[in-house]
Amino acid sequence: MTMSDDDILARRGPRSGRASRATFSGAEARGPIIDQEGREIRPETLEQGFREFRFEFGKDNPFGNLTREQRLARLEAIAKLLDIAFILPGTNIRYGIDGLIGLIPVVGDIITTAISLWLVREARALGAPWYITARMLGNVAVDGVIGIVPFAGDAIDVMFRANMRNVRLLRRWLDKQPRM
C-alpha cells in the first residue's frame, strides 16, 4: 500500500502538515539567492523545482535574517574556534578544536575538513567569486592532506590555520565590494 504525501500529512494532523509545507516567499527578505556562478536566482524559479520538499523555520529561524556583516562575523567566530581558540600553556602557540579533533586518526580529519568546506560554501553564498573560492578550497585541501600525517601533520596543521586564511581572503574581497 502506497500513500501520497497528502495522505501522510492528513494522518499526521494539521500541525505537522503546516511545518512540512513551507514556501520560499521569505527569500526576498533575507537577500538575494546566489548560484555557484554568482548570478542571482529568482525565488519563483526555486518554487518550480521544490514543490514537494519544503522546510520552514518561520520567525524562529536563527539564521534566516542575518545581514552580510552578521554572516561574516559568524564565519570569523567559527574560524577562530577552529584555529586559534586556545593558547598552549607557557607558550604563545595558539590552536583550536581543529587541532584537537584532528588528533583522531582519519575521522577527525574528515570532520574538520567538512567544517572547513562548509565555511567555503558559506563564502560562496555570500557571493564570493570562483577565484576566491578556488583559493579557499586550495587551503582546505592543503590542510586536509597535511592533517592526514599522524602527529607531525597535526602540528603543522595547527600552524597552517586554513580557516583563518580563508576568512581573511573573504574579508579582503568583501571590503573591496560596494555596499548595497
Protein backbone atom coordinates (compact mmCIF):
# COMPACT_ATOMS: atom_id res chain seq x y z
CA MET A 1 0.00 0.00 0.00
CA THR A 2 1.44 3.32 -1.00
CA MET A 3 0.28 6.63 0.36
CA SER A 4 0.57 10.03 -1.22
CA ASP A 5 2.17 12.92 0.61
CA ASP A 6 -1.27 14.46 1.22
CA ASP A 7 -2.49 11.21 2.83
CA ILE A 8 0.54 11.15 5.11
CA LEU A 9 0.03 14.80 6.05
CA ALA A 10 -3.65 14.20 6.74
CA ARG A 11 -2.81 11.33 9.13
CA ARG A 12 -0.21 13.36 10.99
CA GLY A 13 -2.56 16.21 11.65
CA PRO A 14 -2.58 19.91 10.88
CA ARG A 15 0.43 20.88 12.98
CA SER A 16 2.94 18.64 11.20
CA GLY A 17 1.36 19.43 7.82
CA ARG A 18 1.96 23.13 8.35
CA ALA A 19 5.58 22.58 9.43
CA SER A 20 6.42 20.37 6.49
CA ARG A 21 4.91 22.70 3.88
CA ALA A 22 6.90 25.91 3.69
CA THR A 23 7.42 28.44 1.00
CA PHE A 24 10.35 30.31 -0.38
CA SER A 25 8.37 33.52 -0.21
CA GLY A 26 10.60 34.87 2.58
CA ALA A 27 13.68 34.66 0.34
CA GLU A 28 13.40 38.32 -0.66
CA ALA A 29 13.55 39.39 2.99
CA ARG A 30 16.82 37.52 3.54
CA GLY A 31 18.56 38.93 0.49
CA PRO A 32 19.32 37.51 -2.91
CA ILE A 33 19.93 33.82 -3.50
CA ILE A 34 23.17 33.35 -5.44
CA ASP A 35 24.12 30.34 -7.58
CA GLN A 36 27.63 28.92 -8.00
CA GLU A 37 28.47 31.34 -10.79
CA GLY A 38 27.48 34.35 -8.71
CA ARG A 39 24.21 35.03 -10.54
CA GLU A 40 21.04 35.87 -8.62
CA ILE A 41 18.31 33.21 -8.58
CA ARG A 42 14.72 34.40 -8.51
CA PRO A 43 12.66 32.71 -5.76
CA GLU A 44 9.87 31.79 -8.15
CA THR A 45 12.27 29.53 -10.09
CA LEU A 46 13.08 27.70 -6.86
CA GLU A 47 9.42 27.02 -6.22
CA GLN A 48 9.16 25.18 -9.54
CA GLY A 49 11.85 22.66 -8.62
CA PHE A 50 10.97 22.14 -4.97
CA ARG A 51 7.21 21.81 -4.86
CA GLU A 52 7.11 18.74 -2.59
CA PHE A 53 10.10 19.31 -0.31
CA ARG A 54 9.56 22.38 1.80
CA PHE A 55 11.03 23.45 5.09
CA GLU A 56 10.02 26.44 7.16
CA PHE A 57 11.53 27.95 10.27
CA GLY A 58 9.10 30.83 10.31
CA LYS A 59 10.03 33.73 12.54
CA ASP A 60 12.08 31.44 14.82
CA ASN A 61 14.84 30.92 12.24
CA PRO A 62 18.12 31.95 13.93
CA PHE A 63 19.99 32.19 10.61
CA GLY A 64 17.35 33.36 8.16
CA ASN A 65 17.57 37.13 8.55
CA LEU A 66 21.29 37.69 9.05
CA THR A 67 22.95 40.59 7.29
CA ARG A 68 26.15 40.17 5.31
CA GLU A 69 28.20 41.50 8.22
CA GLN A 70 26.48 39.18 10.69
CA ARG A 71 27.14 36.19 8.46
CA LEU A 72 30.78 37.20 8.10
CA ALA A 73 31.08 37.65 11.87
CA ARG A 74 29.65 34.15 12.33
CA LEU A 75 32.22 32.74 9.88
CA GLU A 76 35.03 34.57 11.67
CA ALA A 77 33.89 33.22 15.04
CA ILE A 78 33.80 29.65 13.71
CA ALA A 79 37.23 30.06 12.10
CA LYS A 80 38.67 31.37 15.37
CA LEU A 81 37.15 28.46 17.27
CA LEU A 82 38.62 26.02 14.77
CA ASP A 83 42.10 27.56 14.51
CA ILE A 84 43.07 29.88 17.40
CA ALA A 85 40.65 29.45 20.32
CA PHE A 86 43.20 28.24 22.87
CA ILE A 87 46.77 29.04 23.91
CA LEU A 88 49.26 26.29 24.71
CA PRO A 89 50.28 26.97 28.34
CA GLY A 90 53.72 28.51 28.72
CA THR A 91 53.95 29.46 25.03
CA ASN A 92 52.35 31.81 22.54
CA ILE A 93 51.21 28.93 20.34
CA ARG A 94 47.53 29.18 19.57
CA TYR A 95 45.44 26.21 18.46
CA GLY A 96 41.78 25.43 18.04
CA ILE A 97 39.44 22.49 18.05
CA ASP A 98 40.62 21.68 14.51
CA GLY A 99 43.96 20.62 16.03
CA LEU A 100 42.27 18.65 18.79
CA ILE A 101 39.74 16.85 16.60
CA GLY A 102 42.49 16.23 14.04
CA LEU A 103 44.29 14.00 16.58
CA ILE A 104 41.61 11.36 15.99
CA PRO A 105 43.03 9.35 13.08
CA VAL A 106 41.20 9.72 9.75
CA VAL A 107 37.75 10.53 11.23
CA GLY A 108 38.98 13.73 12.87
CA ASP A 109 40.49 14.98 9.63
CA ILE A 110 37.29 14.19 7.75
CA ILE A 111 35.21 16.10 10.31
CA THR A 112 37.43 19.18 10.30
CA THR A 113 37.67 19.18 6.51
CA ALA A 114 33.87 19.00 6.28
CA ILE A 115 33.53 22.01 8.59
CA SER A 116 36.11 23.90 6.53
CA LEU A 117 34.19 23.06 3.35
CA TRP A 118 31.03 24.43 4.96
CA LEU A 119 32.86 27.73 5.52
CA VAL A 120 33.74 27.79 1.81
CA ARG A 121 30.12 27.10 0.93
CA GLU A 122 29.01 29.99 3.12
CA ALA A 123 31.55 32.25 1.39
CA ARG A 124 30.03 31.23 -1.92
CA ALA A 125 26.57 32.03 -0.57
CA LEU A 126 27.87 35.50 0.31
CA GLY A 127 28.71 35.95 -3.36
CA ALA A 128 32.46 35.22 -3.38
CA PRO A 129 33.67 34.70 -6.97
CA TRP A 130 35.16 31.47 -8.24
CA TYR A 131 38.80 32.57 -7.87
CA ILE A 132 38.31 33.34 -4.16
CA THR A 133 36.53 30.05 -3.52
CA ALA A 134 39.20 28.21 -5.54
CA ARG A 135 41.91 29.63 -3.27
CA MET A 136 39.82 28.76 -0.23
CA LEU A 137 39.36 25.19 -1.49
CA GLY A 138 43.13 25.00 -2.04
CA ASN A 139 43.72 26.00 1.58
CA VAL A 140 41.22 23.37 2.76
CA ALA A 141 42.90 20.72 0.56
CA VAL A 142 46.37 21.54 1.91
CA ASP A 143 45.00 21.49 5.46
CA GLY A 144 43.32 18.13 4.87
CA VAL A 145 46.35 16.50 3.24
CA ILE A 146 48.75 17.77 5.90
CA GLY A 147 46.39 16.67 8.67
CA ILE A 148 46.38 13.07 7.43
CA VAL A 149 50.02 12.60 8.52
CA PRO A 150 49.91 11.37 12.15
CA PHE A 151 51.16 13.81 14.83
CA ALA A 152 53.64 15.75 12.67
CA GLY A 153 50.83 16.65 10.28
CA ASP A 154 48.68 17.75 13.19
CA ALA A 155 51.47 20.00 14.47
CA ILE A 156 51.87 21.59 11.03
CA ASP A 157 48.08 21.80 10.74
CA VAL A 158 47.97 23.91 13.92
CA MET A 159 50.40 26.39 12.35
CA PHE A 160 48.78 26.49 8.88
CA ARG A 161 45.35 27.78 10.07
CA ALA A 162 43.44 27.29 6.81
CA ASN A 163 40.13 28.58 8.19
CA MET A 164 41.62 31.87 9.36
CA ARG A 165 43.31 32.25 5.96
CA ASN A 166 40.00 31.64 4.22
CA VAL A 167 38.09 34.15 6.31
CA ARG A 168 40.84 36.71 5.72
CA LEU A 169 40.57 36.10 1.95
CA LEU A 170 36.81 36.52 2.10
CA ARG A 171 37.03 39.65 4.28
CA ARG A 172 39.52 41.31 1.89
CA TRP A 173 37.29 40.55 -1.08
CA LEU A 174 34.15 41.80 0.70
CA ASP A 175 35.90 45.01 1.77
CA LYS A 176 36.55 45.81 -1.91
CA GLN A 177 32.89 45.34 -2.83
CA PRO A 178 30.50 48.30 -2.93
CA ARG A 179 27.93 48.46 -0.13
CA MET A 180 24.31 47.94 -1.06
